[in-house]
Amino acid sequence: MSNPTLDPNKIKSKPLPASLRSIIERLEGVRKFAPSQVRKIILEAGVEPKDLQPWADFDHPAEDSYGRKLVYKGDNFEIMVMSWRPGDISTIHDHGHTQWGCVQVFGPAEHATFRLEDDQITTLSRVLLKPRQAIGVSHSLLHQMGNPTRDTFFLTLHVYGELEEVDNVTGDARVFDLENGTIQRVDGGVFFALPPDQIKEVETGPQGDFPTRLRHLIELARRLYRIEARGGANPSDKNLKEVIEQVYSAKQRTALLDFLAEITDEEGHQTHSALWKVLNWELKEAGKLQHELHSSQRPEDPFYQYAEWYDDLIGRPSLESFMAEYLGFVQSEYGIDLADKTLISLGCGTGLVEEYLIREHGLRKENVFGLDLSEAMVAVAGRRIDAALGDVLALDPGVRLWDLAFSGLNVFQYLEPRRLEEAIHKTAAILQPGGLFFGDFITPDHLRWYPNMVHSGDQEVISLRSPELIERSGSMFLRSDIVNLCFREGKMKVSCAGKHDRFLPPVNRVRTYFEKAFGGRVDLYDAITLEPIPEWADSCVSTRYLVVAQKS
């Protein structure tokens, strides 16, 4: 490959650092490259962020989705530097005449790629790139790049080339306007909310699938909001209020359910991991935008909205599918007359199960007390029973002793491993002699049952769950990343409940903890079939098990 002398007339206003000169020397005089070759050239050039600083444009107008400066124009290639403020992001686009090229990032850039097929755009992947990472560019690449951070500014280096001489390598680029299902042809920046004079022509374009169109609307709303917040003029025909209404329209429910039907089976397990990841990513962005627009929400308690929806998603389905059965089983098998018993509920949640025991099994309301760590959950439970904020680890037998202790839906497994045995001893300590604990747990293989999608009976409340097994300090946990949606108030509400870890101790260890703490009879049952679990067993069919322990 030749190294021709650089033409100073092609250098744009500023002297070039050695790294960029190296790239130019290897590209000049060559017409055809594979993207992998260009990527290799750029990585070998050893470009540093300071080399790009003369072309930084972090003060670009709010109307621009990022800063964009030309560094060098060759006969058939061009080099540019893009500047990314926090929140900057391009539209979905291609690169016009470009046949080959490469982008190198010098910050934590977010990068998405797309497939256009049968008049529909689908997000193939969305990832966070590492600083200095480089990605090849081909003529067929449809992508989007942005800065997802709150306070980081960074630059990116872009090289685009053609097979023949051309005035504007990236000219005639396609910008996909998924709000209207059109393609905008442009010769400049691939920005959101472009003014008409920057659009060469508009043609009918593809529709976006649910997550792809949702993210487009989210970023369009953010760009319009920034223009408004920074006092800029909105020269486009886009209206912020109308775009926000589209993002959170109740009509999104049908599109979401249709998309979920394509990527989940009848048991609610996801069947397409890439699209499942993309869907959750974009819904989280909808939740973030919702919070940005309504900052009065209380993010300190991730169960803030989840508590209001919990009964429809988890409480009633669990009560009807297995909890009611085992509650009746315990009462019958162990000869308990609830009418004259006192009960403390540890991790009472919304108080739904306790209300059921009062209504269906004769438990007296004045004899029930619930504790929970979530203020939001206690607020809901307080409508049904006497409930308060409290920690099982702070239980004091000197305050009061109880006849019964109950803990539903594996609450004890949210404790740190080193505190589980302590919590069981604390529970035993607040029971009268002969008192009984009953509650359910999950087995270490609960992941094989755990659904990715659950919803209320009317499908107005939907919960998406992304579980994984993780190891921490020698213990295993089931981590669930939860996104909840509600469509009951004529619009879409998104609540990102965050990641929750449940400790997965061996079943035999839990049995041993109860035997040591209670000193009396300890029985384990499959929580669904109510078949006894042998002492040698590691799991059970349903992956949920019931513990009944009597204090000596």
Protein backbone atom coordinates (compact mmCIF):
# COMPACT_ATOMS: atom_id res chain seq x y z
CA MET A 1 0.00 0.00 0.00
CA SER A 2 1.47 3.37 -1.03
CA ASN A 3 1.99 6.33 1.28
CA PRO A 4 1.38 9.39 -0.92
CA THR A 5 2.29 12.90 0.13
CA LEU A 6 -0.68 14.62 1.79
CA ASP A 7 -2.39 17.40 -0.11
CA PRO A 8 -2.52 20.41 2.27
CA ASN A 9 -5.60 21.68 0.42
CA LYS A 10 -7.53 18.71 1.76
CA ILE A 11 -6.70 19.43 5.39
CA LYS A 12 -9.47 21.38 7.08
CA SER A 13 -8.20 24.48 8.90
CA LYS A 14 -6.27 22.75 11.69
CA PRO A 15 -2.94 20.86 11.63
CA LEU A 16 -3.42 17.14 11.93
CA PRO A 17 -1.83 15.04 14.70
CA ALA A 18 0.40 12.15 13.68
CA SER A 19 -2.28 9.53 14.43
CA LEU A 20 -4.76 11.04 11.98
CA ARG A 21 -2.04 11.63 9.36
CA SER A 22 -1.21 7.94 9.66
CA ILE A 23 -4.80 6.98 8.91
CA ILE A 24 -4.96 9.32 5.91
CA GLU A 25 -1.69 8.05 4.46
CA ARG A 26 -2.98 4.48 4.53
CA LEU A 27 -6.34 5.38 2.98
CA GLU A 28 -5.18 7.76 0.23
CA GLY A 29 -5.05 6.24 -3.24
CA VAL A 30 -7.00 3.11 -2.30
CA ARG A 31 -10.61 2.71 -3.42
CA LYS A 32 -11.80 -0.45 -1.77
CA PHE A 33 -11.52 -1.62 1.81
CA ALA A 34 -13.30 -4.14 3.95
CA PRO A 35 -14.64 -2.57 7.19
CA SER A 36 -12.33 -4.90 9.13
CA GLN A 37 -9.32 -3.44 7.29
CA VAL A 38 -10.31 0.12 8.13
CA ARG A 39 -10.87 -0.87 11.74
CA LYS A 40 -7.36 -2.35 11.88
CA ILE A 41 -5.87 0.84 10.39
CA ILE A 42 -7.60 3.01 12.97
CA LEU A 43 -6.64 0.84 15.92
CA GLU A 44 -3.02 0.70 14.78
CA ALA A 45 -2.94 4.51 14.44
CA GLY A 46 -3.24 4.85 18.22
CA VAL A 47 -5.58 7.82 18.22
CA GLU A 48 -5.90 9.60 21.56
CA PRO A 49 -8.84 11.78 22.68
CA LYS A 50 -6.52 14.81 22.77
CA ASP A 51 -5.85 14.28 19.06
CA LEU A 52 -9.54 14.97 18.38
CA GLN A 53 -9.96 17.86 20.80
CA PRO A 54 -9.41 20.63 18.17
CA TRP A 55 -12.65 19.48 16.51
CA ALA A 56 -14.71 19.17 19.71
CA ASP A 57 -18.12 20.86 19.56
CA PHE A 58 -19.81 20.26 22.89
CA ASP A 59 -21.61 23.60 22.64
CA HIS A 60 -23.60 22.54 19.60
CA PRO A 61 -27.17 23.87 19.43
CA ALA A 62 -29.90 21.99 21.29
CA GLU A 63 -31.52 21.35 17.90
CA ASP A 64 -28.52 19.20 16.91
CA SER A 65 -28.51 15.70 18.30
CA TYR A 66 -24.70 15.80 18.61
CA GLY A 67 -21.74 17.89 17.47
CA ARG A 68 -20.34 17.15 14.00
CA LYS A 69 -17.07 18.49 12.51
CA LEU A 70 -15.22 17.55 9.32
CA VAL A 71 -11.53 16.86 9.88
CA TYR A 72 -10.34 15.80 6.44
CA LYS A 73 -11.86 15.27 3.00
CA GLY A 74 -10.10 12.90 0.61
CA ASP A 75 -11.13 12.07 -2.94
CA ASN A 76 -13.26 9.13 -1.82
CA PHE A 77 -13.27 9.25 1.97
CA GLU A 78 -13.80 11.68 4.81
CA ILE A 79 -12.85 11.83 8.45
CA MET A 80 -15.10 13.46 11.04
CA VAL A 81 -15.23 13.99 14.78
CA MET A 82 -18.53 13.82 16.64
CA SER A 83 -19.07 15.39 20.08
CA TRP A 84 -21.51 13.83 22.51
CA ARG A 85 -23.02 15.68 25.44
CA PRO A 86 -24.90 13.64 28.07
CA GLY A 87 -28.16 12.50 26.50
CA ASP A 88 -27.09 13.13 22.89
CA ILE A 89 -28.18 10.41 20.48
CA SER A 90 -28.49 10.05 16.73
CA THR A 91 -31.54 8.84 14.89
CA ILE A 92 -31.63 5.42 13.26
CA HIS A 93 -29.74 5.96 10.02
CA ASP A 94 -27.45 4.64 7.32
CA HIS A 95 -24.41 6.43 5.88
CA GLY A 96 -25.50 7.49 2.43
CA HIS A 97 -22.95 6.64 -0.26
CA THR A 98 -20.56 5.05 2.26
CA GLN A 99 -19.31 1.60 1.28
CA TRP A 100 -16.73 1.09 4.01
CA GLY A 101 -15.62 2.78 7.20
CA CYS A 102 -15.15 2.63 10.93
CA VAL A 103 -16.17 4.45 14.11
CA GLN A 104 -13.96 4.59 17.20
CA VAL A 105 -15.46 5.77 20.49
CA PHE A 106 -13.64 7.49 23.33
CA GLY A 107 -16.34 7.20 25.94
CA PRO A 108 -19.13 4.88 27.15
CA ALA A 109 -21.20 5.11 23.99
CA GLU A 110 -24.51 3.30 23.52
CA HIS A 111 -24.74 1.55 20.17
CA ALA A 112 -27.69 -0.15 18.50
CA THR A 113 -27.95 -2.02 15.22
CA PHE A 114 -31.10 -2.73 13.22
CA ARG A 115 -32.50 -5.02 10.57
CA LEU A 116 -34.78 -3.77 7.79
CA GLU A 117 -36.93 -6.57 6.44
CA ASP A 118 -40.45 -6.77 5.01
CA ASP A 119 -41.04 -3.05 5.62
CA GLN A 120 -40.26 -3.36 9.33
CA ILE A 121 -37.30 -2.21 11.39
CA THR A 122 -36.25 -4.45 14.27
CA THR A 123 -33.57 -3.71 16.84
CA LEU A 124 -30.95 -6.45 16.59
CA SER A 125 -28.92 -5.37 19.59
CA ARG A 126 -28.29 -2.45 21.92
CA VAL A 127 -25.01 -2.45 23.85
CA LEU A 128 -22.67 -0.17 25.74
CA LEU A 129 -19.32 0.18 24.00
CA LYS A 130 -16.05 0.51 25.87
CA PRO A 131 -13.81 3.56 25.40
CA ARG A 132 -11.44 3.05 22.43
CA GLN A 133 -13.64 0.32 20.99
CA ALA A 134 -13.95 0.48 17.20
CA ILE A 135 -16.75 -0.88 15.01
CA GLY A 136 -16.68 -1.42 11.27
CA VAL A 137 -19.15 0.34 8.97
CA SER A 138 -20.57 -1.11 5.77
CA HIS A 139 -23.08 0.19 3.25
CA SER A 140 -25.81 -1.99 4.74
CA LEU A 141 -25.30 -0.88 8.35
CA LEU A 142 -28.34 0.67 10.03
CA HIS A 143 -27.43 1.91 13.46
CA GLN A 144 -27.84 4.48 16.21
CA MET A 145 -25.25 5.91 18.58
CA GLY A 146 -25.54 8.03 21.68
CA ASN A 147 -24.29 9.10 25.09
CA PRO A 148 -26.45 7.52 27.82
CA THR A 149 -24.55 9.07 30.74
CA ARG A 150 -25.63 11.89 33.02
CA ASP A 151 -22.36 13.80 33.24
CA THR A 152 -19.77 12.43 30.80
CA PHE A 153 -18.72 14.23 27.60
CA PHE A 154 -16.81 12.31 24.95
CA LEU A 155 -15.72 12.31 21.31
CA THR A 156 -15.90 9.74 18.54
CA LEU A 157 -13.82 9.37 15.38
CA HIS A 158 -15.58 8.52 12.12
CA VAL A 159 -14.05 7.39 8.82
CA TYR A 160 -16.34 6.86 5.83
CA GLY A 161 -15.26 5.83 2.33
CA GLU A 162 -16.64 5.22 -1.17
CA LEU A 163 -15.36 3.24 -4.15
CA GLU A 164 -15.28 6.32 -6.39
CA GLU A 165 -14.69 10.03 -5.95
CA VAL A 166 -17.69 11.75 -4.39
CA ASP A 167 -18.31 15.22 -3.00
CA ASN A 168 -20.14 14.03 0.13
CA VAL A 169 -19.45 10.42 1.14
CA THR A 170 -22.26 10.41 3.72
CA GLY A 171 -24.62 12.39 1.49
CA ASP A 172 -28.11 11.10 0.72
CA ALA A 173 -28.20 9.28 4.07
CA ARG A 174 -31.47 7.77 5.18
CA VAL A 175 -32.97 8.94 8.49
CA PHE A 176 -35.80 6.72 9.68
CA ASP A 177 -38.71 8.67 11.14
CA LEU A 178 -40.61 5.91 12.94
CA GLU A 179 -43.17 8.32 14.30
CA ASN A 180 -44.64 8.68 10.82
CA GLY A 181 -43.20 5.62 9.05
CA THR A 182 -41.13 7.68 6.61
CA ILE A 183 -37.55 7.99 5.41
CA GLN A 184 -35.88 11.41 5.28
CA ARG A 185 -32.99 11.86 2.85
CA VAL A 186 -30.31 14.17 4.23
CA ASP A 187 -26.80 15.39 3.39
CA GLY A 188 -25.89 16.51 6.91
CA GLY A 189 -26.37 15.39 10.49
CA VAL A 190 -28.71 12.51 11.23
CA PHE A 191 -30.61 14.45 13.87
CA PHE A 192 -34.02 14.17 15.48
CA ALA A 193 -36.67 16.78 14.60
CA LEU A 194 -34.91 18.06 11.49
CA PRO A 195 -36.24 21.29 9.98
CA PRO A 196 -37.73 20.94 6.49
CA ASP A 197 -34.86 22.83 4.83
CA GLN A 198 -32.40 20.11 5.97
CA ILE A 199 -34.46 17.30 4.44
CA LYS A 200 -33.88 16.69 0.74
CA GLU A 201 -36.91 14.50 0.28
CA VAL A 202 -39.32 12.30 2.20
CA GLU A 203 -40.45 8.86 1.11
CA THR A 204 -42.60 6.11 2.53
CA GLY A 205 -40.59 4.07 4.98
CA PRO A 206 -40.85 1.02 7.22
CA GLN A 207 -42.69 0.69 10.50
CA GLY A 208 -40.78 -0.07 13.68
CA ASP A 209 -41.64 -3.04 15.86
CA PHE A 210 -42.85 -2.16 19.36
CA PRO A 211 -39.52 -1.59 21.18
CA THR A 212 -37.86 0.10 18.20
CA ARG A 213 -40.66 2.62 17.63
CA LEU A 214 -41.00 3.20 21.37
CA ARG A 215 -37.32 4.13 21.72
CA HIS A 216 -37.54 6.41 18.68
CA LEU A 217 -40.43 8.31 20.27
CA ILE A 218 -38.61 8.49 23.60
CA GLU A 219 -35.50 10.05 22.05
CA LEU A 220 -37.57 12.38 19.90
CA ALA A 221 -39.35 13.58 23.04
CA ARG A 222 -36.06 14.06 24.86
CA ARG A 223 -34.62 16.10 21.99
CA LEU A 224 -37.70 18.33 21.81
CA TYR A 225 -37.64 18.72 25.60
CA ARG A 226 -33.96 19.78 25.53
CA ILE A 227 -34.64 22.29 22.76
CA GLU A 228 -37.41 23.77 24.88
CA ALA A 229 -35.39 23.68 28.13
CA ARG A 230 -32.37 25.41 26.55
CA GLY A 231 -34.53 28.12 25.01
CA GLY A 232 -33.92 26.99 21.45
CA ALA A 233 -36.30 27.23 18.56
CA ASN A 234 -38.02 24.10 17.32
CA PRO A 235 -37.86 24.46 13.54
CA SER A 236 -39.45 21.06 12.87
CA ASP A 237 -43.08 20.05 12.65
CA LYS A 238 -42.72 17.87 15.79
CA ASN A 239 -44.77 18.72 18.89
CA LEU A 240 -43.41 17.72 22.30
CA LYS A 241 -46.79 17.21 23.96
CA GLU A 242 -48.06 15.06 21.10
CA VAL A 243 -44.93 12.90 21.08
CA ILE A 244 -45.13 12.33 24.84
CA GLU A 245 -48.78 11.33 24.46
CA GLN A 246 -47.72 8.77 21.86
CA VAL A 247 -45.03 7.33 24.14
CA TYR A 248 -47.47 6.71 26.99
CA SER A 249 -50.64 6.12 25.01
CA ALA A 250 -52.93 3.33 26.20
CA LYS A 251 -52.79 2.12 22.59
CA GLN A 252 -49.27 0.88 23.34
CA ARG A 253 -50.83 -2.00 25.25
CA THR A 254 -52.04 -3.80 22.13
CA ALA A 255 -48.69 -3.36 20.39
CA LEU A 256 -46.83 -4.58 23.47
CA LEU A 257 -49.03 -7.65 23.92
CA ASP A 258 -48.67 -8.51 20.25
CA PHE A 259 -44.89 -8.25 20.53
CA LEU A 260 -44.85 -10.32 23.74
CA ALA A 261 -46.92 -13.00 22.02
CA GLU A 262 -44.12 -13.35 19.46
CA ILE A 263 -41.32 -13.74 22.00
CA THR A 264 -42.91 -15.69 24.90
CA ASP A 265 -44.54 -19.10 25.18
CA GLU A 266 -47.82 -20.06 26.86
CA GLU A 267 -46.12 -20.31 30.26
CA GLY A 268 -44.72 -16.79 29.99
CA HIS A 269 -41.12 -17.85 29.33
CA GLN A 270 -39.22 -15.73 26.81
CA THR A 271 -38.22 -17.52 23.62
CA HIS A 272 -35.98 -14.88 22.02
CA SER A 273 -33.28 -13.63 24.39
CA ALA A 274 -32.00 -10.81 22.14
CA LEU A 275 -35.43 -9.27 21.56
CA TRP A 276 -36.33 -9.78 25.23
CA LYS A 277 -33.24 -7.82 26.25
CA VAL A 278 -34.03 -5.03 23.78
CA LEU A 279 -37.66 -4.80 24.95
CA ASN A 280 -36.65 -4.45 28.59
CA TRP A 281 -33.95 -1.89 27.71
CA GLU A 282 -36.41 0.34 25.87
CA LEU A 283 -39.12 0.04 28.51
CA LYS A 284 -36.60 1.11 31.14
CA GLU A 285 -35.88 4.17 29.01
CA ALA A 286 -39.63 4.87 28.98
CA GLY A 287 -39.54 4.66 32.78
CA LYS A 288 -36.58 7.05 32.93
CA LEU A 289 -38.31 9.56 30.68
CA GLN A 290 -41.44 9.29 32.78
CA HIS A 291 -39.37 10.13 35.84
CA GLU A 292 -37.64 13.00 34.04
CA LEU A 293 -41.03 14.47 33.16
CA HIS A 294 -42.58 13.81 36.58
CA SER A 295 -39.78 14.18 39.11
CA SER A 296 -42.22 14.06 42.04
CA GLN A 297 -42.06 10.25 42.00
CA ARG A 298 -40.23 8.65 44.90
CA PRO A 299 -37.38 6.56 43.51
CA GLU A 300 -36.03 5.74 46.98
CA ASP A 301 -38.60 2.94 47.31
CA PRO A 302 -38.59 0.75 44.17
CA PHE A 303 -41.95 -0.69 45.27
CA TYR A 304 -43.60 2.75 45.05
CA GLN A 305 -45.88 1.84 42.14
CA TYR A 306 -45.23 -1.89 42.29
CA ALA A 307 -47.11 -2.02 45.61
CA GLU A 308 -50.25 -0.67 43.96
CA TRP A 309 -50.07 -3.31 41.22
CA TYR A 310 -48.68 -6.17 43.28
CA ASP A 311 -51.96 -7.89 44.09
CA ASP A 312 -53.01 -8.11 40.44
CA LEU A 313 -49.63 -9.37 39.30
CA ILE A 314 -48.48 -11.59 42.15
CA GLY A 315 -50.75 -11.56 45.20
CA ARG A 316 -54.08 -12.80 43.85
CA PRO A 317 -52.60 -15.24 41.28
CA SER A 318 -50.37 -16.77 43.98
CA LEU A 319 -53.19 -16.90 46.52
CA GLU A 320 -55.54 -18.58 44.04
CA SER A 321 -52.99 -20.95 42.48
CA PHE A 322 -51.31 -22.39 45.59
CA MET A 323 -51.32 -20.29 48.75
CA ALA A 324 -55.00 -20.70 49.62
CA GLU A 325 -54.58 -24.46 49.32
CA TYR A 326 -51.60 -24.65 51.65
CA LEU A 327 -53.13 -22.23 54.15
CA GLY A 328 -56.14 -24.54 54.48
CA PHE A 329 -53.83 -27.55 54.63
CA VAL A 330 -51.82 -26.13 57.54
CA GLN A 331 -54.96 -25.23 59.47
CA SER A 332 -56.41 -28.72 58.98
CA GLU A 333 -53.24 -30.81 59.28
CA TYR A 334 -52.05 -29.09 62.45
CA GLY A 335 -55.43 -28.60 64.08
CA ILE A 336 -55.32 -24.80 64.25
CA ASP A 337 -58.41 -22.81 65.20
CA LEU A 338 -57.56 -19.34 63.93
CA ALA A 339 -60.43 -17.72 65.78
CA ASP A 340 -58.51 -17.74 69.05
CA LYS A 341 -54.95 -17.30 67.71
CA THR A 342 -52.71 -14.28 67.34
CA LEU A 343 -50.61 -14.01 64.17
CA ILE A 344 -47.66 -11.91 63.12
CA SER A 345 -46.96 -11.67 59.39
CA LEU A 346 -43.29 -11.18 58.56
CA GLY A 347 -42.96 -9.40 55.22
CA CYS A 348 -46.71 -8.85 54.97
CA GLY A 349 -46.56 -7.05 51.62
CA THR A 350 -50.01 -5.69 50.79
CA GLY A 351 -51.80 -7.66 53.51
CA LEU A 352 -53.82 -9.60 50.94
CA VAL A 353 -53.16 -13.07 52.41
CA GLU A 354 -53.86 -11.88 55.94
CA GLU A 355 -57.15 -10.38 54.77
CA TYR A 356 -57.99 -13.74 53.21
CA LEU A 357 -57.34 -15.54 56.50
CA ILE A 358 -59.63 -13.07 58.27
CA ARG A 359 -62.39 -13.43 55.69
CA GLU A 360 -62.22 -17.15 54.97
CA HIS A 361 -60.69 -18.80 58.05
CA GLY A 362 -61.98 -16.87 61.02
CA LEU A 363 -58.78 -15.09 62.02
CA ARG A 364 -59.75 -12.00 64.03
CA LYS A 365 -58.50 -8.74 62.58
CA GLU A 366 -57.48 -7.38 65.96
CA ASN A 367 -55.21 -10.42 66.43
CA VAL A 368 -53.15 -9.78 63.27
CA PHE A 369 -50.09 -7.58 62.89
CA GLY A 370 -47.93 -7.17 59.78
CA LEU A 371 -44.33 -6.03 59.32
CA ASP A 372 -42.62 -5.07 56.06
CA LEU A 373 -39.47 -3.19 55.04
CA SER A 374 -41.22 -1.33 52.22
CA GLU A 375 -43.07 1.85 53.16
CA ALA A 376 -45.11 1.55 49.98
CA MET A 377 -46.19 -1.99 50.80
CA VAL A 378 -47.11 -1.05 54.36
CA ALA A 379 -49.22 1.83 53.05
CA VAL A 380 -51.29 -0.64 51.02
CA ALA A 381 -51.39 -3.29 53.79
CA GLY A 382 -52.62 -0.66 56.25
CA ARG A 383 -55.92 -0.53 54.39
CA ARG A 384 -56.52 -4.18 55.37
CA ILE A 385 -54.69 -4.92 58.63
CA ASP A 386 -52.66 -3.27 61.35
CA ALA A 387 -49.23 -2.99 59.72
CA ALA A 388 -46.00 -1.11 60.27
CA LEU A 389 -42.47 -0.74 58.97
CA GLY A 390 -40.31 -3.33 60.63
CA ASP A 391 -37.43 -5.77 60.30
CA VAL A 392 -37.58 -9.42 61.28
CA LEU A 393 -34.02 -9.07 62.58
CA ALA A 394 -35.24 -6.51 65.13
CA LEU A 395 -37.98 -8.74 66.60
CA ASP A 396 -38.02 -8.56 70.41
CA PRO A 397 -39.69 -11.34 72.46
CA GLY A 398 -39.83 -8.88 75.35
CA VAL A 399 -42.48 -6.87 73.51
CA ARG A 400 -44.94 -9.66 72.80
CA LEU A 401 -45.23 -13.38 72.09
CA TRP A 402 -47.44 -14.72 69.30
CA ASP A 403 -49.27 -17.96 68.62
CA LEU A 404 -48.49 -18.01 64.92
CA ALA A 405 -45.89 -16.52 62.58
CA PHE A 406 -46.39 -16.44 58.84
CA SER A 407 -44.12 -15.45 55.93
CA GLY A 408 -45.35 -15.79 52.35
CA LEU A 409 -43.72 -15.72 48.94
CA ASN A 410 -40.15 -16.49 50.04
CA VAL A 411 -39.70 -13.22 51.96
CA PHE A 412 -36.99 -14.74 54.20
CA GLN A 413 -34.84 -15.37 51.14
CA TYR A 414 -34.42 -11.65 50.51
CA LEU A 415 -32.18 -11.62 53.59
CA GLU A 416 -28.43 -11.85 53.28
CA PRO A 417 -27.22 -15.46 53.71
CA ARG A 418 -25.46 -14.77 57.00
CA ARG A 419 -28.70 -13.36 58.47
CA LEU A 420 -31.14 -16.09 57.44
CA GLU A 421 -30.47 -18.41 60.36
CA GLU A 422 -30.56 -15.42 62.72
CA ALA A 423 -33.98 -14.40 61.34
CA ILE A 424 -35.33 -17.90 61.89
CA HIS A 425 -34.09 -17.85 65.49
CA LYS A 426 -35.67 -14.41 65.98
CA THR A 427 -38.94 -15.80 64.67
CA ALA A 428 -38.85 -18.75 67.05
CA ALA A 429 -38.09 -16.41 69.95
CA ILE A 430 -41.31 -14.39 69.54
CA LEU A 431 -43.57 -17.47 69.49
CA GLN A 432 -45.31 -18.96 72.48
CA PRO A 433 -44.22 -22.51 73.44
CA GLY A 434 -46.06 -24.75 71.01
CA GLY A 435 -46.40 -21.83 68.58
CA LEU A 436 -46.26 -22.48 64.87
CA PHE A 437 -44.44 -20.92 61.93
CA PHE A 438 -45.62 -21.55 58.38
CA GLY A 439 -44.38 -20.01 55.16
CA ASP A 440 -43.13 -20.77 51.68
CA PHE A 441 -39.64 -20.76 50.15
CA ILE A 442 -38.12 -21.40 46.71
CA THR A 443 -35.67 -24.15 45.86
CA PRO A 444 -32.22 -23.54 44.34
CA ASP A 445 -33.58 -24.61 40.92
CA HIS A 446 -36.57 -22.24 40.96
CA LEU A 447 -35.23 -20.66 37.76
CA ARG A 448 -36.59 -23.59 35.73
CA TRP A 449 -40.15 -22.59 36.64
CA TYR A 450 -39.82 -18.81 36.93
CA PRO A 451 -41.85 -17.03 34.18
CA ASN A 452 -40.47 -13.98 32.38
CA MET A 453 -43.89 -12.42 31.88
CA VAL A 454 -46.91 -12.33 34.17
CA HIS A 455 -50.00 -10.17 33.95
CA SER A 456 -53.30 -9.44 35.62
CA GLY A 457 -56.41 -11.26 34.45
CA ASP A 458 -57.46 -8.32 32.29
CA GLN A 459 -53.91 -7.84 30.95
CA GLU A 460 -53.99 -4.21 32.05
CA VAL A 461 -51.04 -4.77 34.39
CA ILE A 462 -47.98 -6.53 32.98
CA SER A 463 -44.72 -7.49 34.66
CA LEU A 464 -41.54 -8.44 32.80
CA ARG A 465 -38.90 -10.35 34.73
CA SER A 466 -35.37 -11.15 33.64
CA PRO A 467 -33.94 -13.74 36.06
CA GLU A 468 -30.39 -15.00 36.33
CA LEU A 469 -28.39 -17.09 38.75
CA ILE A 470 -25.51 -15.21 40.36
CA GLU A 471 -22.83 -16.09 42.88
CA ARG A 472 -21.86 -13.66 45.61
CA SER A 473 -19.35 -14.40 48.37
CA GLY A 474 -19.86 -18.13 47.98
CA SER A 475 -23.66 -18.05 47.99
CA MET A 476 -26.10 -18.47 45.11
CA PHE A 477 -28.90 -16.02 44.38
CA LEU A 478 -31.79 -15.74 41.96
CA ARG A 479 -31.59 -12.17 40.68
CA SER A 480 -34.71 -10.75 39.05
CA ASP A 481 -34.67 -7.51 37.07
CA ILE A 482 -38.30 -6.34 37.06
CA VAL A 483 -40.16 -3.88 34.83
CA ASN A 484 -43.88 -3.32 35.46
CA LEU A 485 -46.48 -1.60 33.30
CA CYS A 486 -50.03 -0.47 34.02
CA PHE A 487 -52.60 0.73 31.48
CA ARG A 488 -55.53 1.29 33.83
CA GLU A 489 -55.67 5.08 33.84
CA GLY A 490 -55.95 5.61 30.11
CA LYS A 491 -52.19 5.71 29.58
CA MET A 492 -49.09 3.58 29.98
CA LYS A 493 -47.27 3.83 33.30
CA VAL A 494 -43.86 2.21 33.68
CA SER A 495 -42.31 1.24 37.00
CA CYS A 496 -38.77 -0.12 37.04
CA ALA A 497 -38.73 -2.09 40.28
CA GLY A 498 -35.02 -2.78 39.88
CA LYS A 499 -32.98 -5.88 40.62
CA HIS A 500 -33.90 -8.14 43.51
CA ASP A 501 -31.73 -10.94 44.84
CA ARG A 502 -33.16 -13.99 46.61
CA PHE A 503 -30.79 -16.26 48.48
CA LEU A 504 -30.97 -19.89 47.36
CA PRO A 505 -29.82 -22.06 50.27
CA PRO A 506 -30.02 -25.84 49.97
CA VAL A 507 -33.39 -27.15 51.12
CA ASN A 508 -31.74 -29.32 53.78
CA ARG A 509 -29.97 -26.30 55.25
CA VAL A 510 -33.26 -24.48 55.70
CA ARG A 511 -34.70 -27.56 57.38
CA THR A 512 -31.71 -27.66 59.73
CA TYR A 513 -32.02 -23.95 60.61
CA PHE A 514 -35.66 -24.45 61.66
CA GLU A 515 -34.89 -27.63 63.60
CA LYS A 516 -32.17 -25.87 65.59
CA ALA A 517 -34.23 -22.73 66.23
CA PHE A 518 -37.60 -24.35 67.02
CA GLY A 519 -36.50 -27.58 68.71
CA GLY A 520 -39.78 -29.25 67.76
CA ARG A 521 -41.51 -30.74 64.75
CA VAL A 522 -40.37 -29.39 61.35
CA ASP A 523 -42.09 -30.50 58.15
CA LEU A 524 -41.40 -29.55 54.53
CA TYR A 525 -43.93 -29.94 51.71
CA ASP A 526 -44.09 -29.14 48.03
CA ALA A 527 -46.08 -25.90 48.21
CA ILE A 528 -48.21 -26.85 45.18
CA THR A 529 -48.82 -30.60 45.53
CA LEU A 530 -48.49 -30.60 49.35
CA GLU A 531 -46.52 -33.83 49.12
CA PRO A 532 -43.95 -34.21 51.93
CA ILE A 533 -40.36 -33.51 50.93
CA PRO A 534 -37.98 -36.28 52.08
CA GLU A 535 -35.00 -35.25 54.17
CA TRP A 536 -32.62 -36.36 51.41
CA ALA A 537 -34.31 -34.30 48.66
CA ASP A 538 -32.62 -31.25 47.11
CA SER A 539 -35.74 -29.87 45.43
CA CYS A 540 -39.39 -30.58 44.64
CA VAL A 541 -41.53 -30.70 41.53
CA SER A 542 -42.95 -27.17 41.77
CA THR A 543 -39.69 -25.55 43.02
CA ARG A 544 -41.72 -23.93 45.84
CA TYR A 545 -41.84 -25.52 49.26
CA LEU A 546 -43.77 -24.99 52.46
CA VAL A 547 -42.10 -25.03 55.89
CA VAL A 548 -44.17 -25.73 58.99
CA ALA A 549 -42.21 -25.55 62.25
CA GLN A 550 -43.53 -25.95 65.81
CA LYS A 551 -41.73 -24.46 68.78
CA SER A 552 -40.94 -26.90 71.56
